[in-house]
Protein backbone atom coordinates (compact mmCIF):
# COMPACT_ATOMS: atom_id res chain seq x y z
CA UNK A 1 14.25 10.93 8.68
CA UNK A 2 11.57 12.06 6.34
CA UNK A 3 8.87 14.70 6.39
CA UNK A 4 6.33 12.76 4.17
CA UNK A 5 6.59 9.11 4.06
CA UNK A 6 3.95 6.23 2.49
CA UNK A 7 3.24 2.94 3.47
CA UNK A 8 1.15 0.93 1.51
CA UNK A 9 -0.66 -2.01 3.08
CA UNK A 10 -2.98 -4.86 1.86
CA UNK A 11 -3.56 -6.82 4.90
CA UNK A 12 -0.85 -9.25 4.70
CA UNK A 13 1.74 -9.49 7.96
CA UNK A 14 4.42 -8.44 5.69
CA UNK A 15 2.55 -4.78 5.03
CA UNK A 16 2.11 -4.48 8.72
CA UNK A 17 5.80 -5.06 9.12
CA UNK A 18 6.21 -2.54 6.48
CA UNK A 19 4.11 -0.50 8.83
CA UNK A 20 5.98 -0.76 11.96
CA UNK A 21 9.16 -0.03 9.85
CA UNK A 22 7.86 2.68 8.48
CA UNK A 23 7.10 4.91 11.60
CA UNK A 24 10.93 4.77 12.31
CA UNK A 25 11.18 6.92 8.94
CA UNK A 26 9.08 9.79 9.76
CA UNK A 27 10.47 13.33 11.20
CA UNK A 28 8.55 14.31 14.69
CA UNK A 29 6.58 16.76 12.97
CA UNK A 30 5.91 14.78 9.74
CA UNK A 31 3.07 12.59 8.26
CA UNK A 32 2.82 8.77 7.20
CA UNK A 33 0.48 8.37 4.69
CA UNK A 34 -1.01 4.66 4.80
CA UNK A 35 -2.05 3.64 1.53
CA UNK A 36 -4.49 0.53 0.31
CA UNK A 37 -5.39 0.07 -3.11
CA UNK A 38 -8.65 -1.76 -4.06
CA UNK A 39 -7.37 -3.60 -7.39
CA UNK A 40 -9.57 -2.64 -10.14
CA UNK A 41 -9.58 -5.63 -12.86
CA UNK A 42 -9.26 -4.34 -16.17
CA UNK A 43 -12.29 -5.06 -18.59
CA UNK A 44 -10.69 -7.80 -20.43
CA UNK A 45 -10.84 -9.74 -17.33
CA UNK A 46 -14.10 -8.84 -16.12
CA UNK A 47 -16.39 -11.25 -18.37
CA UNK A 48 -19.84 -12.22 -17.51
CA UNK A 49 -22.42 -10.22 -15.70
CA UNK A 50 -21.99 -6.88 -14.06
CA UNK A 51 -23.63 -7.79 -10.73
CA UNK A 52 -20.98 -10.85 -10.49
CA UNK A 53 -18.39 -8.18 -9.58
CA UNK A 54 -20.30 -6.07 -7.24
CA UNK A 55 -19.94 -8.34 -4.28
CA UNK A 56 -16.26 -8.70 -5.09
CA UNK A 57 -15.59 -5.01 -5.24
CA UNK A 58 -17.76 -4.61 -1.79
CA UNK A 59 -15.30 -7.08 -0.52
CA UNK A 60 -12.22 -5.92 -1.67
CA UNK A 61 -12.81 -2.14 -0.49
CA UNK A 62 -13.59 -3.78 3.17
CA UNK A 63 -10.25 -5.40 3.00
CA UNK A 64 -8.67 -2.10 2.15
CA UNK A 65 -10.13 -0.31 4.71
CA UNK A 66 -9.58 -3.22 7.27
CA UNK A 67 -5.87 -2.98 6.11
CA UNK A 68 -5.35 0.77 6.97
CA UNK A 69 -7.08 0.44 10.65
CA UNK A 70 -5.00 -2.33 11.56
CA UNK A 71 -1.94 -0.18 10.97
CA UNK A 72 -4.01 2.73 12.99
CA UNK A 73 -2.82 1.05 16.38
CA UNK A 74 0.70 0.96 15.25
CA UNK A 75 0.93 4.47 13.90
CA UNK A 76 -1.04 6.00 16.91
CA UNK A 77 1.33 4.10 19.60
CA UNK A 78 4.49 5.49 18.01
CA UNK A 79 3.14 8.84 18.36
CA UNK A 80 3.33 9.55 14.56
CA UNK A 81 0.63 11.52 12.45
CA UNK A 82 -1.04 9.60 9.69
CA UNK A 83 -3.18 10.23 6.78
CA UNK A 84 -5.25 7.17 5.91
CA UNK A 85 -6.20 6.16 2.16
CA UNK A 86 -7.49 4.23 -0.09
CA UNK A 87 -7.20 4.36 -3.98
CA UNK A 88 -8.51 2.37 -6.63
CA UNK A 89 -6.48 0.91 -9.33
CA UNK A 90 -3.68 -1.20 -10.10
CA UNK A 91 -1.66 -1.33 -6.74
CA UNK A 92 1.72 -0.68 -8.36
CA UNK A 93 0.59 2.07 -10.30
CA UNK A 94 -1.27 3.46 -7.80
CA UNK A 95 1.46 3.56 -5.27
CA UNK A 96 3.51 5.40 -7.56
CA UNK A 97 1.01 8.08 -8.93
CA UNK A 98 -0.05 8.44 -4.97
CA UNK A 99 3.33 9.14 -3.80
CA UNK A 100 3.65 11.52 -6.51
CA UNK A 101 0.34 13.05 -5.33
CA UNK A 102 1.55 13.70 -2.09
CA UNK A 103 5.14 14.46 -2.68
CA UNK A 104 6.44 11.76 -0.58
CA UNK A 105 10.05 11.81 0.61
CA UNK A 106 10.29 8.04 0.72
CA UNK A 107 8.13 4.95 0.22
CA UNK A 108 7.83 1.68 2.21
CA UNK A 109 6.71 -1.33 1.18
CA UNK A 110 6.84 -5.01 1.96
CA UNK A 111 8.78 -7.59 -0.15
CA UNK A 112 5.75 -9.41 -0.65
CA UNK A 113 2.28 -8.83 -0.18
CA UNK A 114 -1.12 -10.94 0.05
CA UNK A 115 -0.43 -12.16 -3.70
CA UNK A 116 2.90 -14.14 -3.17
CA UNK A 117 2.39 -16.66 -6.00
CA UNK A 118 1.37 -14.11 -8.63
CA UNK A 119 4.25 -11.66 -7.92
CA UNK A 120 6.61 -14.75 -8.34
CA UNK A 121 5.02 -15.41 -11.86
CA UNK A 122 4.84 -11.77 -13.04
CA UNK A 123 7.03 -9.55 -10.99
CA UNK A 124 6.43 -7.88 -7.50
CA UNK A 125 4.58 -4.69 -6.77
CA UNK A 126 7.29 -3.90 -4.99
CA UNK A 127 10.00 -4.14 -7.85
CA UNK A 128 7.85 -2.03 -10.05
CA UNK A 129 7.86 0.80 -7.43
CA UNK A 130 11.64 0.78 -7.05
CA UNK A 131 12.21 1.18 -10.47
CA UNK A 132 9.55 3.62 -11.17
CA UNK A 133 9.26 5.89 -8.22
CA UNK A 134 10.77 9.21 -8.07
CA UNK A 135 11.79 9.07 -4.46
CA UNK A 136 13.60 6.42 -2.28
CA UNK A 137 11.88 3.14 -1.93
CA UNK A 138 12.43 1.07 1.16
CA UNK A 139 11.52 -2.65 1.11
CA UNK A 140 11.06 -4.16 4.19
CA UNK A 141 11.65 -8.01 4.08
CA UNK A 142 9.31 -10.76 5.27
CA UNK A 143 8.96 -11.04 8.83
């Protein structure tokens, strides 16, 4: 059992499964941090007019908020204290950075998230987190 656990969620069924598993890793007096990352595209991928991306940013933030709120019922029914968080950036970097910020004892991630195809081609977020985190990482297989 861990005092401070972090689970990353993106609204996928896999991340909800990871959250269900994550509650099992938290001490009775511990806290589960539920993080969703609003992915920010690098400037070289943002061609065109700026207003073209405003709606995408709002929609992406709404999806992140929804992903965190979906986990709320799971965490509350388990009787675990939790701290919701939404960060901006590249998800794999943001997860590792946030874990360092909160001094997490463990990170729980789904093996796959909402971007399965991209993960197959570019390397998964979970793999990056496993390789770069300074704490144990638990990867939860697909449901």
